[in-house]
């Protein structure tokens, strides 16, 4: 039985910093997309982050795997955790607000629960998980507004592309657990980004042409931010928080990212979201909280406080 990790002030600070970094990444990607294509934006992200993380691996003197199966696992992880979701979400952001993209991105945790239940016998869907997943789907449907999918225009397709990216993230979690368990986090991240760069860089060159370096200063800064800080640096910070707070507490990051992205999108790009988006995020956030065992345990300990059945006459 695992002991519930508590959050020290230092860990809280790291968790909040991670949420700020990832929340701002949505805005920085959108800024870069004003001048470069989505595939080129992703290639920049994986390439520079890969180089930074290999520098970390070299500095830490970590042994480089020689087993071809591990390198195959790196490429698979790079495909599911970087190339597919980064590409789909970058394209989606061309047609969807920064804040709404971040809200839909929060569905990753919901799809992750489903993927784990499908592929792992020790991750079956309990009543708590079913309730959390159901709320999550209802929240996503509310945020999108299912009536907006009737015309199936470019915006609707972009929202579905973003959701497909979250499914890919969920599958990446399964892939990583099956193939990369036991590797140092820094090595796994560097290898993953090597695999994704091998996919995204040639694809960007073929579809969108050679990378340009005569970019506006704002674009260069945006690329530097989302590749070096929000990808390479955030991966290292993520594993730092994970080791000290546990995976349950990391759900808090998911809840904090969207408000940061919404606020920055409104301040910098004058984005305004439909009220349904905020309602949908509230429902989705409730679903994520239900997926957190701690909330479920509290309700089991104090059922009379919240059980609507017990309040009936």
Protein backbone atom coordinates (compact mmCIF):
# COMPACT_ATOMS: atom_id res chain seq x y z
CA UNK A 1 0.00 0.00 0.00
CA UNK A 2 1.56 3.29 -1.08
CA UNK A 3 1.78 6.21 1.28
CA UNK A 4 0.15 9.42 0.12
CA UNK A 5 2.81 12.03 -0.60
CA UNK A 6 2.38 15.47 0.88
CA UNK A 7 3.38 18.69 -0.81
CA UNK A 8 6.10 20.72 0.86
CA UNK A 9 6.32 24.46 0.12
CA UNK A 10 9.24 23.78 -2.23
CA UNK A 11 7.31 21.09 -4.09
CA UNK A 12 4.25 23.34 -4.30
CA UNK A 13 6.47 26.02 -5.84
CA UNK A 14 7.84 23.55 -8.38
CA UNK A 15 4.33 22.33 -9.23
CA UNK A 16 3.05 25.87 -9.74
CA UNK A 17 6.10 26.73 -11.84
CA UNK A 18 5.47 23.68 -14.03
CA UNK A 19 1.86 24.74 -14.53
CA UNK A 20 2.97 28.27 -15.48
CA UNK A 21 5.57 26.96 -17.92
CA UNK A 22 3.19 24.57 -19.67
CA UNK A 23 0.33 27.05 -19.59
CA UNK A 24 2.46 29.66 -21.34
CA UNK A 25 3.63 27.12 -23.93
CA UNK A 26 0.25 27.25 -25.67
CA UNK A 27 0.64 31.00 -26.21
CA UNK A 28 4.26 30.71 -27.39
CA UNK A 29 3.33 28.04 -29.93
CA UNK A 30 0.48 30.18 -31.23
CA UNK A 31 2.85 33.16 -31.62
CA UNK A 32 5.31 31.04 -33.63
CA UNK A 33 2.48 29.77 -35.86
CA UNK A 34 1.95 33.33 -37.10
CA UNK A 35 5.18 32.95 -39.11
CA UNK A 36 5.99 29.25 -39.48
CA UNK A 37 3.96 26.15 -40.32
CA UNK A 38 2.76 23.68 -37.69
CA UNK A 39 5.13 20.89 -38.75
CA UNK A 40 8.10 23.26 -38.71
CA UNK A 41 7.00 24.50 -35.28
CA UNK A 42 7.01 20.92 -34.01
CA UNK A 43 10.38 20.16 -35.62
CA UNK A 44 11.87 23.17 -33.84
CA UNK A 45 10.36 21.98 -30.58
CA UNK A 46 11.75 18.46 -30.71
CA UNK A 47 15.14 19.34 -32.25
CA UNK A 48 16.29 21.98 -29.77
CA UNK A 49 14.80 20.16 -26.78
CA UNK A 50 16.61 16.99 -27.88
CA UNK A 51 19.96 18.78 -28.00
CA UNK A 52 19.45 20.28 -24.54
CA UNK A 53 18.52 16.94 -23.00
CA UNK A 54 21.43 15.13 -24.60
CA UNK A 55 23.61 17.79 -22.99
CA UNK A 56 22.04 16.88 -19.65
CA UNK A 57 22.64 13.16 -20.28
CA UNK A 58 26.29 13.89 -21.14
CA UNK A 59 26.76 16.08 -18.06
CA UNK A 60 25.29 13.38 -15.82
CA UNK A 61 27.43 10.71 -17.52
CA UNK A 62 24.44 8.44 -17.99
CA UNK A 63 25.08 5.23 -19.94
CA UNK A 64 23.59 5.27 -23.44
CA UNK A 65 21.50 2.15 -24.24
CA UNK A 66 22.85 -0.13 -26.94
CA UNK A 67 19.89 -2.47 -27.20
CA UNK A 68 18.06 -1.88 -30.55
CA UNK A 69 14.77 -2.69 -28.83
CA UNK A 70 15.20 0.29 -26.51
CA UNK A 71 15.88 2.57 -29.45
CA UNK A 72 12.79 1.20 -31.13
CA UNK A 73 10.89 2.03 -27.95
CA UNK A 74 12.31 5.57 -28.08
CA UNK A 75 10.97 6.01 -31.60
CA UNK A 76 7.57 4.69 -30.60
CA UNK A 77 7.47 7.02 -27.63
CA UNK A 78 8.57 9.92 -29.82
CA UNK A 79 5.75 9.14 -32.23
CA UNK A 80 2.96 8.84 -29.64
CA UNK A 81 4.13 11.43 -27.10
CA UNK A 82 5.59 14.10 -29.42
CA UNK A 83 5.19 13.81 -33.17
CA UNK A 84 1.47 12.99 -33.35
CA UNK A 85 0.10 15.13 -30.48
CA UNK A 86 2.42 18.09 -31.07
CA UNK A 87 1.55 18.11 -34.76
CA UNK A 88 -2.21 17.74 -34.30
CA UNK A 89 -2.38 20.36 -31.58
CA UNK A 90 -0.18 22.85 -33.43
CA UNK A 91 -2.42 22.57 -36.48
CA UNK A 92 -5.50 22.78 -34.27
CA UNK A 93 -4.25 26.01 -32.71
CA UNK A 94 -4.41 27.68 -36.10
CA UNK A 95 -8.20 27.48 -35.84
CA UNK A 96 -8.92 27.22 -32.09
CA UNK A 97 -8.22 29.68 -29.28
CA UNK A 98 -5.22 29.12 -27.02
CA UNK A 99 -7.42 28.75 -23.94
CA UNK A 100 -9.77 26.21 -25.50
CA UNK A 101 -6.80 24.18 -26.73
CA UNK A 102 -5.51 23.98 -23.16
CA UNK A 103 -8.95 22.94 -21.88
CA UNK A 104 -9.21 20.11 -24.41
CA UNK A 105 -5.63 19.12 -23.60
CA UNK A 106 -6.75 18.44 -20.01
CA UNK A 107 -8.72 15.46 -21.36
CA UNK A 108 -5.39 13.62 -21.61
CA UNK A 109 -5.85 12.35 -18.05
CA UNK A 110 -9.30 10.98 -18.88
CA UNK A 111 -8.11 9.10 -21.97
CA UNK A 112 -5.09 7.93 -19.97
CA UNK A 113 -7.37 6.16 -17.48
CA UNK A 114 -9.21 4.43 -20.33
CA UNK A 115 -6.01 3.38 -22.11
CA UNK A 116 -4.57 1.98 -18.89
CA UNK A 117 -7.75 -0.01 -18.26
CA UNK A 118 -7.62 -1.48 -21.77
CA UNK A 119 -3.95 -2.49 -21.73
CA UNK A 120 -3.19 -3.27 -18.07
CA UNK A 121 -5.00 -5.80 -15.89
CA UNK A 122 -4.13 -3.88 -12.70
CA UNK A 123 -5.79 -0.67 -13.96
CA UNK A 124 -9.40 -1.77 -14.30
CA UNK A 125 -12.20 0.78 -14.36
CA UNK A 126 -13.61 1.08 -10.85
CA UNK A 127 -16.79 2.96 -10.01
CA UNK A 128 -14.71 6.01 -9.08
CA UNK A 129 -12.89 5.94 -12.41
CA UNK A 130 -16.11 5.45 -14.37
CA UNK A 131 -17.63 8.50 -12.69
CA UNK A 132 -14.50 10.57 -13.31
CA UNK A 133 -14.29 9.49 -16.95
CA UNK A 134 -17.98 10.18 -17.49
CA UNK A 135 -17.65 13.68 -16.06
CA UNK A 136 -14.56 14.22 -18.16
CA UNK A 137 -16.34 13.34 -21.39
CA UNK A 138 -19.32 15.48 -20.43
CA UNK A 139 -16.98 18.38 -19.74
CA UNK A 140 -15.25 18.01 -23.11
CA UNK A 141 -18.59 17.81 -24.90
CA UNK A 142 -19.77 20.94 -23.10
CA UNK A 143 -16.57 22.85 -23.87
CA UNK A 144 -16.76 22.00 -27.57
CA UNK A 145 -20.52 22.36 -27.82
CA UNK A 146 -21.73 19.31 -29.71
CA UNK A 147 -24.11 21.49 -31.71
CA UNK A 148 -21.02 23.13 -33.22
CA UNK A 149 -19.99 19.82 -34.78
CA UNK A 150 -23.11 19.58 -36.95
CA UNK A 151 -21.65 21.75 -39.69
CA UNK A 152 -18.26 20.04 -39.28
CA UNK A 153 -16.30 23.08 -40.40
CA UNK A 154 -12.56 23.69 -40.07
CA UNK A 155 -12.91 24.78 -36.45
CA UNK A 156 -14.76 21.59 -35.52
CA UNK A 157 -12.11 19.50 -37.27
CA UNK A 158 -9.38 21.37 -35.39
CA UNK A 159 -11.02 20.62 -32.04
CA UNK A 160 -11.25 16.94 -32.93
CA UNK A 161 -7.58 17.00 -33.98
CA UNK A 162 -6.63 18.38 -30.56
CA UNK A 163 -8.64 15.64 -28.86
CA UNK A 164 -6.94 13.05 -31.07
CA UNK A 165 -3.66 14.43 -29.77
CA UNK A 166 -4.76 13.76 -26.19
CA UNK A 167 -5.59 10.16 -27.15
CA UNK A 168 -2.06 9.84 -28.53
CA UNK A 169 -0.68 11.14 -25.23
CA UNK A 170 -2.68 8.47 -23.43
CA UNK A 171 -1.31 5.74 -25.67
CA UNK A 172 2.19 7.10 -25.06
CA UNK A 173 1.68 6.48 -21.35
CA UNK A 174 0.90 2.84 -22.08
CA UNK A 175 3.85 2.53 -24.47
CA UNK A 176 6.26 4.08 -21.98
CA UNK A 177 5.16 1.82 -19.15
CA UNK A 178 5.53 -1.28 -21.31
CA UNK A 179 8.86 -0.45 -22.97
CA UNK A 180 10.82 2.18 -21.03
CA UNK A 181 10.37 1.17 -17.39
CA UNK A 182 13.62 1.35 -15.42
CA UNK A 183 15.43 3.88 -17.60
CA UNK A 184 16.63 7.16 -16.05
CA UNK A 185 14.08 9.89 -16.77
CA UNK A 186 16.66 12.11 -18.48
CA UNK A 187 17.76 9.29 -20.78
CA UNK A 188 14.18 8.33 -21.62
CA UNK A 189 13.28 11.94 -22.46
CA UNK A 190 16.39 12.46 -24.61
CA UNK A 191 15.82 9.19 -26.46
CA UNK A 192 12.14 9.97 -26.99
CA UNK A 193 12.93 13.40 -28.45
CA UNK A 194 15.56 11.82 -30.70
CA UNK A 195 12.89 9.53 -32.09
CA UNK A 196 10.40 12.35 -32.56
CA UNK A 197 12.99 14.58 -34.24
CA UNK A 198 13.83 11.78 -36.68
CA UNK A 199 10.13 11.80 -37.61
CA UNK A 200 9.21 15.48 -37.51
CA UNK A 201 12.27 17.09 -39.09
CA UNK A 202 12.13 15.22 -42.44
CA UNK A 203 8.34 15.55 -42.52
CA UNK A 204 8.55 19.32 -42.00
CA UNK A 205 11.20 19.64 -44.71
CA UNK A 206 9.12 17.68 -47.20
CA UNK A 207 5.77 19.34 -46.51
CA UNK A 208 6.73 22.90 -45.53
CA UNK A 209 10.24 23.30 -46.90
CA UNK A 210 13.59 24.06 -45.22
CA UNK A 211 13.67 25.76 -41.85
CA UNK A 212 14.01 29.53 -42.03
CA UNK A 213 16.22 31.34 -39.57
CA UNK A 214 15.45 34.89 -40.72
CA UNK A 215 12.48 34.97 -38.36
CA UNK A 216 11.05 37.88 -36.40
CA UNK A 217 12.56 38.25 -32.90
CA UNK A 218 9.20 37.43 -31.31
CA UNK A 219 9.03 34.16 -33.26
CA UNK A 220 12.59 33.23 -32.27
CA UNK A 221 11.82 33.91 -28.61
CA UNK A 222 8.62 31.87 -28.84
CA UNK A 223 10.48 28.91 -30.36
CA UNK A 224 13.21 29.17 -27.74
CA UNK A 225 10.63 29.22 -24.98
CA UNK A 226 8.48 26.27 -26.04
CA UNK A 227 11.42 24.09 -27.09
CA UNK A 228 14.08 24.76 -24.45
CA UNK A 229 12.00 25.82 -21.43
CA UNK A 230 8.54 24.31 -21.99
CA UNK A 231 9.80 21.00 -23.41
CA UNK A 232 13.36 20.18 -22.27
CA UNK A 233 13.23 22.12 -19.01
CA UNK A 234 9.65 21.13 -18.24
CA UNK A 235 10.40 17.42 -18.68
CA UNK A 236 13.17 17.69 -16.07
CA UNK A 237 10.94 19.69 -13.72
CA UNK A 238 8.09 17.21 -14.27
CA UNK A 239 10.19 14.28 -13.09
CA UNK A 240 11.42 16.34 -10.13
CA UNK A 241 7.83 17.00 -9.04
CA UNK A 242 6.81 13.39 -9.76
CA UNK A 243 9.55 12.04 -7.48
CA UNK A 244 8.54 14.34 -4.62
CA UNK A 245 4.78 14.66 -5.00
CA UNK A 246 3.60 11.48 -6.70
CA UNK A 247 1.43 11.05 -9.78
CA UNK A 248 -1.79 11.88 -7.91
CA UNK A 249 -0.62 15.36 -7.00
CA UNK A 250 0.48 15.94 -10.59
CA UNK A 251 -3.21 16.02 -11.54
CA UNK A 252 -3.13 19.48 -9.98
CA UNK A 253 -0.84 20.60 -12.80
CA UNK A 254 -3.47 19.56 -15.32
CA UNK A 255 -6.03 21.71 -13.53
CA UNK A 256 -3.73 24.73 -13.31
CA UNK A 257 -2.46 24.76 -16.91
CA UNK A 258 -5.76 25.77 -18.52
CA UNK A 259 -6.39 28.91 -16.39
CA UNK A 260 -2.85 30.11 -17.16
CA UNK A 261 -3.32 29.55 -20.90
CA UNK A 262 -6.77 31.19 -20.88
CA UNK A 263 -5.48 34.27 -19.08
CA UNK A 264 -2.44 34.66 -21.34
CA UNK A 265 -4.54 34.17 -24.47
CA UNK A 266 -6.91 36.91 -23.32
CA UNK A 267 -4.16 39.34 -22.32
CA UNK A 268 -1.81 38.88 -25.27
CA UNK A 269 -4.12 37.94 -28.15
CA UNK A 270 -7.47 39.32 -26.97
CA UNK A 271 -9.05 35.88 -27.11
CA UNK A 272 -12.55 35.47 -25.72
CA UNK A 273 -13.99 32.03 -25.06
CA UNK A 274 -17.61 30.96 -25.22
CA UNK A 275 -19.13 30.57 -21.72
CA UNK A 276 -19.63 26.88 -22.56
CA UNK A 277 -15.85 26.49 -22.59
CA UNK A 278 -15.58 27.63 -18.97
CA UNK A 279 -18.49 25.45 -17.90
CA UNK A 280 -16.98 22.49 -19.72
CA UNK A 281 -13.64 23.03 -18.01
CA UNK A 282 -15.34 23.15 -14.61
CA UNK A 283 -17.04 19.81 -15.28
CA UNK A 284 -13.82 18.31 -16.66
CA UNK A 285 -11.92 19.56 -13.59
CA UNK A 286 -14.49 17.89 -11.36
CA UNK A 287 -13.94 14.65 -13.27
CA UNK A 288 -10.18 14.90 -12.75
CA UNK A 289 -10.68 15.49 -9.05
CA UNK A 290 -12.89 12.39 -8.85
CA UNK A 291 -10.14 10.42 -10.57
CA UNK A 292 -7.88 11.47 -7.69
CA UNK A 293 -8.22 8.75 -5.02
CA UNK A 294 -7.98 11.24 -2.17
CA UNK A 295 -11.28 12.95 -2.97
CA UNK A 296 -13.02 9.58 -3.29
CA UNK A 297 -11.66 8.47 0.07
CA UNK A 298 -12.91 11.64 1.73
CA UNK A 299 -16.41 11.11 0.35
CA UNK A 300 -16.39 7.52 1.58
CA UNK A 301 -15.40 8.73 5.07
CA UNK A 302 -18.06 11.46 5.15
CA UNK A 303 -20.91 10.19 2.96
CA UNK A 304 -23.65 12.15 4.66
CA UNK A 305 -21.95 15.42 3.82
CA UNK A 306 -22.31 15.07 0.07
CA UNK A 307 -24.41 12.05 -0.83
CA UNK A 308 -27.60 13.43 -2.42
CA UNK A 309 -29.50 10.20 -1.76
CA UNK A 310 -29.11 10.61 2.00
CA UNK A 311 -30.50 14.12 1.77
CA UNK A 312 -33.77 12.92 0.26
CA UNK A 313 -36.80 12.90 2.63
